[in-house]
Amino acid sequence: MSRKLTVAIDFGTTFSKVAYLDSSHTDREPTLIKRWSARSGEMIPTLVHYGAGSSVDWGFGAASKDKGQIGWFKLARLRAVIPCLGGAPDCWR
């Protein structure tokens, strides 16, 4: 039997969580990631920051920037989907 890794992301508007399950574990309980780049906490900021060149920071890295963080982008996606729920033919591209 091959080993599998399953990852679950709770993508929140302001904070997110990530857990994983390794099929080789006998207890079969998901492991919640609680440590992010020397920061501890179950929840990480749902933020992204695009810097100079091709630099991209997310989570705590983006939160530590002075300005230019992008947040609440989950709601922008939701606004794009809501009109499509009525069945408009050009929504699903």
C-alpha atoms as a PDB file:
ATOM      1  CA  MET A   1       0.000   0.000   0.000  1.00  0.00           C
ATOM      2  CA  SER A   2       1.399   3.397  -0.926  1.00  0.00           C
ATOM      3  CA  ARG A   3       1.750   6.180   1.594  1.00  0.00           C
ATOM      4  CA  LYS A   4      -0.551   9.184   1.077  1.00  0.00           C
ATOM      5  CA  LEU A   5      -0.571  12.685   2.531  1.00  0.00           C
ATOM      6  CA  THR A   6      -3.895  14.507   2.729  1.00  0.00           C
ATOM      7  CA  VAL A   7      -3.910  18.266   3.360  1.00  0.00           C
ATOM      8  CA  ALA A   8      -6.931  20.271   4.512  1.00  0.00           C
ATOM      9  CA  ILE A   9      -7.093  24.065   4.406  1.00  0.00           C
ATOM     10  CA  ASP A  10      -9.697  26.074   6.291  1.00  0.00           C
ATOM     11  CA  PHE A  11      -9.411  29.201   4.135  1.00  0.00           C
ATOM     12  CA  GLY A  12     -10.938  31.960   6.239  1.00  0.00           C
ATOM     13  CA  THR A  13     -11.612  35.577   5.428  1.00  0.00           C
ATOM     14  CA  THR A  14      -9.156  36.932   8.022  1.00  0.00           C
ATOM     15  CA  PHE A  15      -7.391  33.825   9.392  1.00  0.00           C
ATOM     16  CA  SER A  16      -6.804  30.312   8.052  1.00  0.00           C
ATOM     17  CA  LYS A  17      -5.793  26.890   9.405  1.00  0.00           C
ATOM     18  CA  VAL A  18      -4.004  23.938   7.827  1.00  0.00           C
ATOM     19  CA  ALA A  19      -4.018  20.288   8.856  1.00  0.00           C
ATOM     20  CA  TYR A  20      -2.619  17.107   7.333  1.00  0.00           C
ATOM     21  CA  LEU A  21      -3.091  13.380   7.654  1.00  0.00           C
ATOM     22  CA  ASP A  22      -0.351  10.872   6.892  1.00  0.00           C
ATOM     23  CA  SER A  23      -1.810   7.495   5.908  1.00  0.00           C
ATOM     24  CA  SER A  24       1.114   5.733   7.602  1.00  0.00           C
ATOM     25  CA  HIS A  25      -0.055   6.953  11.043  1.00  0.00           C
ATOM     26  CA  THR A  26      -1.948   4.269  12.877  1.00  0.00           C
ATOM     27  CA  ASP A  27      -4.153   6.657  14.869  1.00  0.00           C
ATOM     28  CA  ARG A  28      -5.527   8.344  11.702  1.00  0.00           C
ATOM     29  CA  GLU A  29      -6.029  11.691  13.448  1.00  0.00           C
ATOM     30  CA  PRO A  30      -5.237  14.852  11.430  1.00  0.00           C
ATOM     31  CA  THR A  31      -2.356  16.988  12.647  1.00  0.00           C
ATOM     32  CA  LEU A  32      -3.080  20.707  12.887  1.00  0.00           C
ATOM     33  CA  ILE A  33      -0.061  22.799  11.902  1.00  0.00           C
ATOM     34  CA  LYS A  34       0.701  25.096  14.839  1.00  0.00           C
ATOM     35  CA  ARG A  35       4.163  26.461  13.972  1.00  0.00           C
ATOM     36  CA  TRP A  36       4.821  28.788  11.059  1.00  0.00           C
ATOM     37  CA  SER A  37       8.330  30.150  10.415  1.00  0.00           C
ATOM     38  CA  ALA A  38       9.221  30.498  14.104  1.00  0.00           C
ATOM     39  CA  ARG A  39       5.714  31.768  14.955  1.00  0.00           C
ATOM     40  CA  SER A  40       3.296  29.651  16.933  1.00  0.00           C
ATOM     41  CA  GLY A  41      -0.448  29.559  16.569  1.00  0.00           C
ATOM     42  CA  GLU A  42      -3.121  27.433  14.977  1.00  0.00           C
ATOM     43  CA  MET A  43      -4.440  30.307  12.908  1.00  0.00           C
ATOM     44  CA  ILE A  44      -2.410  32.265  10.385  1.00  0.00           C
ATOM     45  CA  PRO A  45      -3.421  35.589   8.800  1.00  0.00           C
ATOM     46  CA  THR A  46      -5.109  35.223   5.412  1.00  0.00           C
ATOM     47  CA  LEU A  47      -2.888  37.892   3.857  1.00  0.00           C
ATOM     48  CA  VAL A  48      -0.558  38.125   0.885  1.00  0.00           C
ATOM     49  CA  HIS A  49       2.069  40.764   0.065  1.00  0.00           C
ATOM     50  CA  TYR A  50       3.696  41.171  -3.350  1.00  0.00           C
ATOM     51  CA  GLY A  51       7.064  42.851  -3.010  1.00  0.00           C
ATOM     52  CA  ALA A  52       9.739  44.075  -5.381  1.00  0.00           C
ATOM     53  CA  GLY A  53      10.596  41.763  -8.237  1.00  0.00           C
ATOM     54  CA  SER A  54       8.961  38.398  -7.747  1.00  0.00           C
ATOM     55  CA  SER A  55       8.952  38.465  -3.937  1.00  0.00           C
ATOM     56  CA  VAL A  56       5.756  37.102  -2.349  1.00  0.00           C
ATOM     57  CA  ASP A  57       5.005  36.814   1.362  1.00  0.00           C
ATOM     58  CA  TRP A  58       1.905  35.273   2.908  1.00  0.00           C
ATOM     59  CA  GLY A  59       0.520  34.690   6.385  1.00  0.00           C
ATOM     60  CA  PHE A  60       2.700  36.051   9.173  1.00  0.00           C
ATOM     61  CA  GLY A  61       5.308  37.185   6.621  1.00  0.00           C
ATOM     62  CA  ALA A  62       2.758  39.430   4.915  1.00  0.00           C
ATOM     63  CA  ALA A  63       1.375  40.642   8.267  1.00  0.00           C
ATOM     64  CA  SER A  64       4.838  41.875   9.273  1.00  0.00           C
ATOM     65  CA  LYS A  65       5.075  44.287   6.316  1.00  0.00           C
ATOM     66  CA  ASP A  66       4.509  48.013   6.932  1.00  0.00           C
ATOM     67  CA  LYS A  67       1.984  48.406   4.119  1.00  0.00           C
ATOM     68  CA  GLY A  68       0.655  46.833   0.955  1.00  0.00           C
ATOM     69  CA  GLN A  69      -0.879  43.671   2.376  1.00  0.00           C
ATOM     70  CA  ILE A  70      -3.824  42.248   0.495  1.00  0.00           C
ATOM     71  CA  GLY A  71      -6.529  40.689   2.626  1.00  0.00           C
ATOM     72  CA  TRP A  72     -10.188  39.775   2.410  1.00  0.00           C
ATOM     73  CA  PHE A  73      -9.593  38.459  -1.132  1.00  0.00           C
ATOM     74  CA  LYS A  74     -11.798  35.462  -0.326  1.00  0.00           C
ATOM     75  CA  LEU A  75     -14.790  37.836  -0.468  1.00  0.00           C
ATOM     76  CA  ALA A  76     -13.787  39.042  -3.927  1.00  0.00           C
ATOM     77  CA  ARG A  77     -13.984  35.459  -5.163  1.00  0.00           C
ATOM     78  CA  LEU A  78     -17.360  35.018  -3.492  1.00  0.00           C
ATOM     79  CA  ARG A  79     -18.710  38.128  -5.245  1.00  0.00           C
ATOM     80  CA  ALA A  80     -17.618  36.608  -8.556  1.00  0.00           C
ATOM     81  CA  VAL A  81     -19.493  33.370  -7.859  1.00  0.00           C
ATOM     82  CA  ILE A  82     -22.778  34.691  -6.425  1.00  0.00           C
ATOM     83  CA  PRO A  83     -24.126  36.029  -9.777  1.00  0.00           C
ATOM     84  CA  CYS A  84     -23.372  32.639 -11.325  1.00  0.00           C
ATOM     85  CA  LEU A  85     -25.634  30.802  -8.913  1.00  0.00           C
ATOM     86  CA  GLY A  86     -28.575  32.007 -10.979  1.00  0.00           C
ATOM     87  CA  GLY A  87     -27.285  30.010 -13.938  1.00  0.00           C
ATOM     88  CA  ALA A  88     -25.874  32.771 -16.137  1.00  0.00           C
ATOM     89  CA  PRO A  89     -24.208  30.882 -19.033  1.00  0.00           C
ATOM     90  CA  ASP A  90     -21.080  33.065 -19.249  1.00  0.00           C
ATOM     91  CA  CYS A  91     -20.106  32.641 -15.576  1.00  0.00           C
ATOM     92  CA  TRP A  92     -18.295  29.307 -15.788  1.00  0.00           C
ATOM     93  CA  ARG A  93     -15.235  29.781 -17.948  1.00  0.00           C
END
